[in-house]
Amino acid sequence: MDVSTLSAKVLDGARLSEQEGLFLHENAGLDTLAFLADEVRRRKHPDPVVTYIIDRNLNPTNICVTDCTFCAFYAKPKDEVKGYVLDREEIYKRVQETVDVGGVQILMQSGHHPQLGVEWFSELFQDLMERWPDLHLHAMSPPEIHHLSKVSKCSTEEVLRRLQAAGMNSMPGGGAEILTESVRKQIAARKADTDTWLRIMEEAHGIGMRTTATMMFGHIETVADRIEHLERLRQVQDRTGGFTAFIDWTFQPGDNPLGDQLHAEGWKKATHAEYFRTTALARIYLDNFDNIQASFVTQGASAAQLALRMGCNDFGSAMLEENVVSAAGCFELVEIKNIERNIREAGFIPRQRNQAYDIIDPRGAAPQPGELESCGAAATGKHQLV
């Protein structure tokens, strides 16, 4: 096993094994990984287009019983200072603000509230759909579905079907963290386990609901754990084809027990280089995923721009609101004009999309006069690193 042989394998469109993925991650230079990931991206997306979406991350409640060690957002059920449940009028106000500026989607996730079951969320989704029938609800996550099944005493598939009937269009990949059980038991022992997370994803795909997949890395896991995570996702995608995209980001250590523990042990926060290496490997390894999203919310816009030359074909969301990683001290929200500037500077044409990755931009999918000339390397088809 050597880097040149594995590189040739990737360029030929062949699939890597877990052992080969780990070897490439550990032994290839970042320039090699970036080149290979960029080639895979180009193969899947030959047009020089990078997409983004306008949405809002709305969290109806932060009250949660799972006590995840990495979370700075949640409040315990009896915490009357930090804990909240948004009333309907406040939710309606925030949704209307999103629609007023051209938002097409609400990304809705919540804490695991001990009293709010599937009935509460079904009613909320129905209310939203009655008021904004064209809005896309990208809502909940597998651990939330698992929690609702326990609160409402029904199966997870029934929860999914009831929420789908109420207006939930797709499901985000939150709560994956690392899909290796030895890691999950240490950082999220009370949350849905690895097999449950994957099973609920397959149930969602089985009823026609598309989902995304995520990974939070850079804490106690090993690189082998990350590869195992990617392998489990790839296996599900082989069976269902239901994942639209993969998004990875680094652990944010601010104001949470896991960060305090790791700092006390002399741990160092994952660097941009580690993010680039992991993201490029994900693009190479997840050969059955069409889209890889850059994480500018945690990495910053400049790093996300570089990630567009390391396998990512999407810049993420022009979020009006974000509460979870910002609670851990990460504040990186970017205006639409700056998102488009970053995309152009990386050598691509920016276009707005929906959750299905359809282009909904009023400029259309095709380049406008002069756009190609202003985009640089990617538009000319040359392999260059920004």
Protein backbone atom coordinates (compact mmCIF):
# COMPACT_ATOMS: atom_id res chain seq x y z
CA MET A 1 0.00 0.00 0.00
CA ASP A 2 1.45 3.36 -1.02
CA VAL A 3 0.17 6.87 -1.72
CA SER A 4 0.77 6.82 -5.47
CA THR A 5 -1.11 3.52 -5.94
CA LEU A 6 -4.05 4.70 -3.85
CA SER A 7 -4.08 8.06 -5.64
CA ALA A 8 -4.28 6.27 -8.97
CA LYS A 9 -7.13 4.17 -7.60
CA VAL A 10 -9.07 7.30 -6.62
CA LEU A 11 -8.45 8.94 -9.99
CA ASP A 12 -9.73 5.77 -11.69
CA GLY A 13 -12.98 6.09 -9.72
CA ALA A 14 -12.41 2.99 -7.59
CA ARG A 15 -13.60 2.72 -3.98
CA LEU A 16 -11.20 2.82 -1.03
CA SER A 17 -11.40 0.36 1.85
CA GLU A 18 -11.27 1.53 5.46
CA GLN A 19 -7.62 0.51 5.70
CA GLU A 20 -6.77 2.35 2.47
CA GLY A 21 -8.64 5.46 3.60
CA LEU A 22 -6.75 5.48 6.89
CA PHE A 23 -3.42 4.98 5.13
CA LEU A 24 -4.11 7.82 2.70
CA HIS A 25 -5.17 10.16 5.50
CA GLU A 26 -2.05 9.39 7.52
CA ASN A 27 0.52 9.33 4.72
CA ALA A 28 -0.56 11.60 1.85
CA GLY A 29 0.40 15.24 1.87
CA LEU A 30 -2.41 17.75 2.21
CA ASP A 31 -1.71 18.91 -1.34
CA THR A 32 -2.26 15.35 -2.61
CA LEU A 33 -5.48 14.93 -0.64
CA ALA A 34 -6.71 18.31 -1.86
CA PHE A 35 -5.92 17.43 -5.47
CA LEU A 36 -7.71 14.08 -5.25
CA ALA A 37 -10.74 15.56 -3.47
CA ASP A 38 -10.94 18.38 -6.01
CA GLU A 39 -10.89 15.84 -8.81
CA VAL A 40 -13.71 13.83 -7.22
CA ARG A 41 -15.72 17.04 -6.81
CA ARG A 42 -15.09 17.99 -10.43
CA ARG A 43 -16.18 14.54 -11.58
CA LYS A 44 -19.47 14.87 -9.72
CA HIS A 45 -19.96 18.58 -10.45
CA PRO A 46 -18.30 19.43 -13.77
CA ASP A 47 -19.85 22.91 -13.93
CA PRO A 48 -17.93 25.56 -11.93
CA VAL A 49 -20.84 26.19 -9.55
CA VAL A 50 -20.81 26.31 -5.74
CA THR A 51 -24.16 26.53 -3.99
CA TYR A 52 -25.54 27.93 -0.75
CA ILE A 53 -28.94 28.19 0.92
CA ILE A 54 -30.73 30.94 2.85
CA ASP A 55 -32.32 29.61 6.02
CA ARG A 56 -32.56 29.97 9.77
CA ASN A 57 -31.51 27.58 12.52
CA LEU A 58 -34.49 27.77 14.86
CA ASN A 59 -34.39 25.96 18.20
CA PRO A 60 -37.84 25.86 19.87
CA THR A 61 -36.35 24.71 23.20
CA ASN A 62 -32.93 24.19 24.73
CA ILE A 63 -34.20 22.08 27.64
CA CYS A 64 -32.56 18.68 27.39
CA VAL A 65 -32.09 15.53 29.45
CA THR A 66 -29.15 13.98 27.59
CA ASP A 67 -26.30 15.91 29.28
CA CYS A 68 -23.92 15.61 26.31
CA THR A 69 -20.47 16.58 27.52
CA PHE A 70 -19.66 18.65 24.41
CA CYS A 71 -22.78 20.85 24.45
CA ALA A 72 -22.81 24.44 25.70
CA PHE A 73 -26.33 25.13 24.45
CA TYR A 74 -28.63 22.98 26.54
CA ALA A 75 -30.26 23.64 29.90
CA LYS A 76 -31.44 21.09 32.45
CA PRO A 77 -35.23 20.77 32.85
CA LYS A 78 -35.34 22.73 36.12
CA ASP A 79 -33.00 25.51 34.97
CA GLU A 80 -35.33 28.53 35.06
CA VAL A 81 -32.53 30.96 34.16
CA LYS A 82 -31.08 29.44 31.00
CA GLY A 83 -33.87 27.09 29.94
CA TYR A 84 -36.59 28.18 27.52
CA VAL A 85 -39.44 26.99 25.33
CA LEU A 86 -40.33 29.50 22.63
CA ASP A 87 -44.00 30.42 22.41
CA ARG A 88 -45.74 30.13 19.06
CA GLU A 89 -45.83 33.86 18.38
CA GLU A 90 -42.07 34.13 18.79
CA ILE A 91 -41.57 31.18 16.45
CA TYR A 92 -43.92 32.73 13.89
CA LYS A 93 -42.04 36.03 14.14
CA ARG A 94 -38.69 34.39 13.45
CA VAL A 95 -40.06 32.38 10.52
CA GLN A 96 -41.61 35.50 8.99
CA GLU A 97 -38.28 37.34 9.32
CA THR A 98 -36.64 34.48 7.42
CA VAL A 99 -39.20 34.51 4.62
CA ASP A 100 -39.03 38.31 4.34
CA VAL A 101 -35.33 38.20 3.38
CA GLY A 102 -35.71 35.36 0.88
CA GLY A 103 -35.19 32.39 3.17
CA VAL A 104 -36.55 29.13 1.81
CA GLN A 105 -35.96 26.80 4.73
CA ILE A 106 -36.18 26.47 8.49
CA LEU A 107 -33.60 24.17 10.06
CA MET A 108 -35.30 23.19 13.31
CA GLN A 109 -33.66 21.19 16.08
CA SER A 110 -34.29 21.20 19.81
CA GLY A 111 -33.19 19.84 23.11
CA HIS A 112 -34.61 16.54 24.36
CA HIS A 113 -37.43 18.07 26.41
CA PRO A 114 -38.96 15.53 28.84
CA GLN A 115 -42.55 16.72 28.25
CA LEU A 116 -42.67 17.71 24.57
CA GLY A 117 -43.65 14.71 22.47
CA VAL A 118 -44.53 14.09 18.84
CA GLU A 119 -47.95 15.69 19.38
CA TRP A 120 -46.40 19.06 20.27
CA PHE A 121 -44.11 19.11 17.25
CA SER A 122 -46.78 17.83 14.85
CA GLU A 123 -49.07 20.67 15.84
CA LEU A 124 -46.25 23.18 15.45
CA PHE A 125 -45.33 21.89 11.99
CA GLN A 126 -48.96 21.97 10.87
CA ASP A 127 -49.27 25.57 12.04
CA LEU A 128 -46.14 26.57 10.12
CA MET A 129 -47.27 24.85 6.94
CA GLU A 130 -50.67 26.53 7.09
CA ARG A 131 -49.01 29.93 7.30
CA TRP A 132 -46.06 29.30 4.95
CA PRO A 133 -46.98 26.39 2.65
CA ASP A 134 -43.90 26.88 0.44
CA LEU A 135 -41.44 26.79 3.33
CA HIS A 136 -39.18 23.74 3.60
CA LEU A 137 -38.96 22.20 7.07
CA HIS A 138 -35.57 20.56 7.53
CA ALA A 139 -36.26 19.42 11.04
CA MET A 140 -35.35 17.26 14.02
CA SER A 141 -32.52 14.66 13.98
CA PRO A 142 -32.30 10.92 14.69
CA PRO A 143 -31.67 11.36 18.46
CA GLU A 144 -34.66 13.72 18.67
CA ILE A 145 -36.84 11.20 16.83
CA HIS A 146 -35.66 8.52 19.25
CA HIS A 147 -36.47 10.77 22.22
CA LEU A 148 -39.95 11.61 20.88
CA SER A 149 -40.68 7.91 20.46
CA LYS A 150 -39.97 7.41 24.17
CA VAL A 151 -41.98 10.43 25.30
CA SER A 152 -44.97 9.57 23.10
CA LYS A 153 -44.61 5.78 23.51
CA CYS A 154 -44.58 4.85 19.84
CA SER A 155 -42.05 3.58 17.31
CA THR A 156 -39.48 5.83 15.71
CA GLU A 157 -40.97 5.11 12.27
CA GLU A 158 -44.39 6.23 13.52
CA VAL A 159 -42.82 9.46 14.80
CA LEU A 160 -41.26 10.06 11.38
CA ARG A 161 -44.52 9.36 9.55
CA ARG A 162 -46.53 11.66 11.83
CA LEU A 163 -44.05 14.49 11.51
CA GLN A 164 -43.85 13.97 7.75
CA ALA A 165 -47.65 14.18 7.52
CA ALA A 166 -47.51 17.40 9.55
CA GLY A 167 -45.06 19.04 7.13
CA MET A 168 -41.54 17.88 7.96
CA ASN A 169 -39.85 17.63 4.55
CA SER A 170 -36.36 16.38 5.37
CA MET A 171 -34.14 15.60 8.35
CA PRO A 172 -30.72 16.99 9.27
CA GLY A 173 -27.91 14.70 10.33
CA GLY A 174 -27.44 16.19 13.78
CA GLY A 175 -26.53 14.06 16.74
CA ALA A 176 -24.15 11.85 14.80
CA GLU A 177 -21.04 13.22 16.52
CA ILE A 178 -18.81 10.15 15.94
CA LEU A 179 -20.59 6.96 14.86
CA THR A 180 -18.28 4.74 16.89
CA GLU A 181 -19.94 3.39 20.01
CA SER A 182 -16.84 3.51 22.22
CA VAL A 183 -16.64 7.26 21.61
CA ARG A 184 -20.38 7.94 21.95
CA LYS A 185 -20.46 6.23 25.34
CA GLN A 186 -17.93 8.76 26.61
CA ILE A 187 -19.32 11.99 25.14
CA ALA A 188 -23.08 11.32 24.75
CA ALA A 189 -23.97 8.29 26.83
CA ARG A 190 -27.66 9.16 27.16
CA LYS A 191 -28.25 9.92 23.49
CA ALA A 192 -29.36 7.46 20.79
CA ASP A 193 -26.55 5.02 20.09
CA THR A 194 -24.79 4.47 16.77
CA ASP A 195 -27.03 1.68 15.47
CA THR A 196 -30.17 3.60 16.45
CA TRP A 197 -28.97 6.74 14.67
CA LEU A 198 -28.29 4.76 11.50
CA ARG A 199 -31.55 2.80 11.74
CA ILE A 200 -33.64 5.97 12.04
CA MET A 201 -31.88 7.40 9.01
CA GLU A 202 -32.80 4.30 7.03
CA GLU A 203 -36.40 4.55 8.27
CA ALA A 204 -36.56 8.14 7.07
CA HIS A 205 -35.17 7.18 3.68
CA GLY A 206 -37.66 4.31 3.53
CA ILE A 207 -40.64 6.69 3.72
CA GLY A 208 -39.19 8.98 1.06
CA MET A 209 -37.59 11.54 3.36
CA ARG A 210 -34.16 12.80 2.33
CA THR A 211 -31.58 13.56 5.01
CA THR A 212 -28.10 14.92 5.49
CA ALA A 213 -25.21 13.32 7.40
CA THR A 214 -22.72 14.99 9.73
CA MET A 215 -19.61 14.39 11.80
CA MET A 216 -18.20 16.36 14.72
CA PHE A 217 -14.53 15.49 15.15
CA GLY A 218 -11.40 16.71 16.86
CA HIS A 219 -12.06 15.66 20.46
CA ILE A 220 -11.37 12.18 21.91
CA GLU A 221 -11.81 10.11 18.74
CA THR A 222 -9.02 8.65 16.64
CA VAL A 223 -8.60 8.98 12.88
CA ALA A 224 -9.64 5.33 12.62
CA ASP A 225 -12.90 6.27 14.38
CA ARG A 226 -13.51 8.96 11.78
CA ILE A 227 -12.97 6.46 8.97
CA GLU A 228 -15.36 4.01 10.65
CA HIS A 229 -17.92 6.83 10.81
CA LEU A 230 -17.55 7.45 7.07
CA GLU A 231 -17.79 3.72 6.35
CA ARG A 232 -21.07 3.37 8.27
CA LEU A 233 -22.53 6.31 6.35
CA ARG A 234 -21.35 4.90 3.03
CA GLN A 235 -22.99 1.56 3.78
CA VAL A 236 -26.36 3.20 4.48
CA GLN A 237 -26.07 5.28 1.32
CA ASP A 238 -25.37 2.13 -0.69
CA ARG A 239 -28.63 0.67 0.60
CA THR A 240 -30.91 3.72 0.41
CA GLY A 241 -29.39 6.60 -1.57
CA GLY A 242 -31.23 8.89 0.85
CA PHE A 243 -28.42 11.22 1.97
CA THR A 244 -28.21 14.49 0.07
CA ALA A 245 -25.00 15.79 1.63
CA PHE A 246 -22.27 15.33 4.21
CA ILE A 247 -21.11 18.10 6.55
CA ASP A 248 -18.23 17.81 9.01
CA TRP A 249 -16.93 20.29 11.56
CA THR A 250 -14.50 20.46 14.44
CA PHE A 251 -15.45 20.26 18.12
CA GLN A 252 -15.88 23.67 19.77
CA PRO A 253 -14.50 23.50 23.34
CA GLY A 254 -15.98 26.65 24.86
CA ASP A 255 -18.15 26.46 28.00
CA ASN A 256 -18.71 22.70 28.06
CA PRO A 257 -17.43 19.83 30.26
CA LEU A 258 -15.62 18.00 27.46
CA GLY A 259 -13.69 21.13 26.52
CA ASP A 260 -12.73 21.72 30.15
CA GLN A 261 -11.59 18.11 30.51
CA LEU A 262 -9.53 18.12 27.34
CA HIS A 263 -7.88 21.45 28.12
CA ALA A 264 -6.88 20.11 31.54
CA GLU A 265 -5.23 17.15 29.76
CA GLY A 266 -3.18 19.42 27.50
CA TRP A 267 -5.34 18.87 24.43
CA LYS A 268 -5.15 21.29 21.50
CA LYS A 269 -8.10 22.34 19.36
CA ALA A 270 -8.15 20.88 15.85
CA THR A 271 -6.40 23.13 13.33
CA HIS A 272 -7.63 24.24 9.94
CA ALA A 273 -5.14 21.82 8.42
CA GLU A 274 -6.78 18.93 10.29
CA TYR A 275 -10.20 20.09 9.11
CA PHE A 276 -8.95 20.26 5.50
CA ARG A 277 -7.38 16.81 5.72
CA THR A 278 -10.51 15.21 7.18
CA THR A 279 -12.87 16.98 4.77
CA ALA A 280 -10.78 16.08 1.72
CA LEU A 281 -10.65 12.45 2.83
CA ALA A 282 -14.42 12.47 3.33
CA ARG A 283 -14.92 13.68 -0.24
CA ILE A 284 -12.64 10.90 -1.51
CA TYR A 285 -14.14 8.17 0.68
CA LEU A 286 -17.85 9.00 0.36
CA ASP A 287 -17.99 8.11 -3.30
CA ASN A 288 -21.78 7.66 -3.20
CA PHE A 289 -22.50 11.14 -1.74
CA ASP A 290 -23.15 13.88 -4.28
CA ASN A 291 -22.53 16.88 -2.04
CA ILE A 292 -20.00 17.90 0.61
CA GLN A 293 -20.68 21.12 2.50
CA ALA A 294 -18.03 23.47 3.86
CA SER A 295 -18.48 24.52 7.49
CA PHE A 296 -17.86 28.25 7.59
CA VAL A 297 -19.84 28.55 10.85
CA THR A 298 -17.08 26.74 12.76
CA GLN A 299 -14.05 27.22 10.50
CA GLY A 300 -14.58 30.78 9.32
CA ALA A 301 -15.26 32.05 5.82
CA SER A 302 -11.63 32.07 4.69
CA ALA A 303 -11.09 28.42 5.62
CA ALA A 304 -14.42 27.47 4.05
CA GLN A 305 -13.27 29.18 0.87
CA LEU A 306 -10.17 26.99 0.81
CA ALA A 307 -12.32 23.92 1.46
CA LEU A 308 -14.03 24.58 -1.88
CA ARG A 309 -10.76 23.51 -3.48
CA MET A 310 -10.59 20.44 -1.24
CA GLY A 311 -13.74 18.64 -2.26
CA CYS A 312 -16.61 20.85 -1.07
CA ASN A 313 -19.18 21.99 -3.60
CA ASP A 314 -21.46 23.86 -1.19
CA PHE A 315 -20.81 26.82 1.11
CA GLY A 316 -23.60 26.00 3.53
CA SER A 317 -26.19 28.44 4.79
CA ALA A 318 -26.59 32.17 5.00
CA MET A 319 -28.08 31.66 8.47
CA LEU A 320 -30.19 34.36 10.06
CA GLU A 321 -29.74 32.66 13.43
CA GLU A 322 -27.48 30.02 14.98
CA ASN A 323 -27.46 29.10 18.65
CA VAL A 324 -25.67 25.81 19.22
CA VAL A 325 -22.03 26.26 18.21
CA SER A 326 -22.24 29.96 19.05
CA ALA A 327 -22.96 28.92 22.65
CA ALA A 328 -19.52 27.30 22.60
CA GLY A 329 -17.87 30.56 21.58
CA CYS A 330 -17.97 30.21 17.79
CA PHE A 331 -19.52 33.21 16.02
CA GLU A 332 -19.13 33.06 12.26
CA LEU A 333 -22.21 34.13 10.32
CA VAL A 334 -21.62 35.61 6.89
CA GLU A 335 -23.75 37.93 4.76
CA ILE A 336 -24.92 36.71 1.36
CA LYS A 337 -22.73 39.17 -0.52
CA ASN A 338 -19.68 37.90 1.37
CA ILE A 339 -20.64 34.27 0.77
CA GLU A 340 -20.78 34.99 -2.94
CA ARG A 341 -17.50 36.89 -2.82
CA ASN A 342 -15.77 33.97 -1.10
CA ILE A 343 -17.17 31.55 -3.67
CA ARG A 344 -15.97 33.70 -6.58
CA GLU A 345 -12.53 34.18 -5.06
CA ALA A 346 -12.20 30.39 -4.84
CA GLY A 347 -12.84 30.24 -8.58
CA PHE A 348 -16.52 29.31 -8.73
CA ILE A 349 -19.91 30.74 -9.67
CA PRO A 350 -22.26 31.21 -6.66
CA ARG A 351 -25.83 30.01 -6.89
CA GLN A 352 -28.64 29.74 -4.35
CA ARG A 353 -30.15 26.27 -3.86
CA ASN A 354 -32.87 24.49 -1.94
CA GLN A 355 -32.50 21.47 0.36
CA ALA A 356 -32.66 19.06 -2.60
CA TYR A 357 -29.70 20.91 -4.15
CA ASP A 358 -31.85 22.22 -6.99
CA ILE A 359 -30.73 25.63 -8.22
CA ILE A 360 -33.43 28.18 -7.35
CA ASP A 361 -31.29 31.24 -8.05
CA PRO A 362 -33.05 33.92 -10.15
CA ARG A 363 -29.87 34.11 -12.28
CA GLY A 364 -30.43 30.50 -13.33
CA ALA A 365 -27.90 27.66 -13.28
CA ALA A 366 -25.95 28.82 -16.33
CA PRO A 367 -23.19 31.44 -15.99
CA GLN A 368 -24.19 35.03 -16.69
CA PRO A 369 -22.15 37.13 -19.15
CA GLY A 370 -18.77 37.88 -17.61
CA GLU A 371 -19.15 35.50 -14.65
CA LEU A 372 -16.74 32.86 -15.91
CA GLU A 373 -14.07 35.45 -16.60
CA SER A 374 -14.29 36.69 -13.02
CA CYS A 375 -14.00 33.27 -11.38
CA GLY A 376 -10.43 32.14 -12.02
CA ALA A 377 -8.99 28.65 -11.91
CA ALA A 378 -12.07 26.47 -11.45
CA ALA A 379 -13.86 28.04 -14.40
CA THR A 380 -10.96 27.25 -16.73
CA GLY A 381 -10.84 23.61 -15.64
CA LYS A 382 -7.27 23.84 -14.35
CA HIS A 383 -6.22 22.03 -11.18
CA GLN A 384 -4.86 24.76 -8.93
CA LEU A 385 -4.95 25.18 -5.18
CA VAL A 386 -6.15 28.52 -3.90
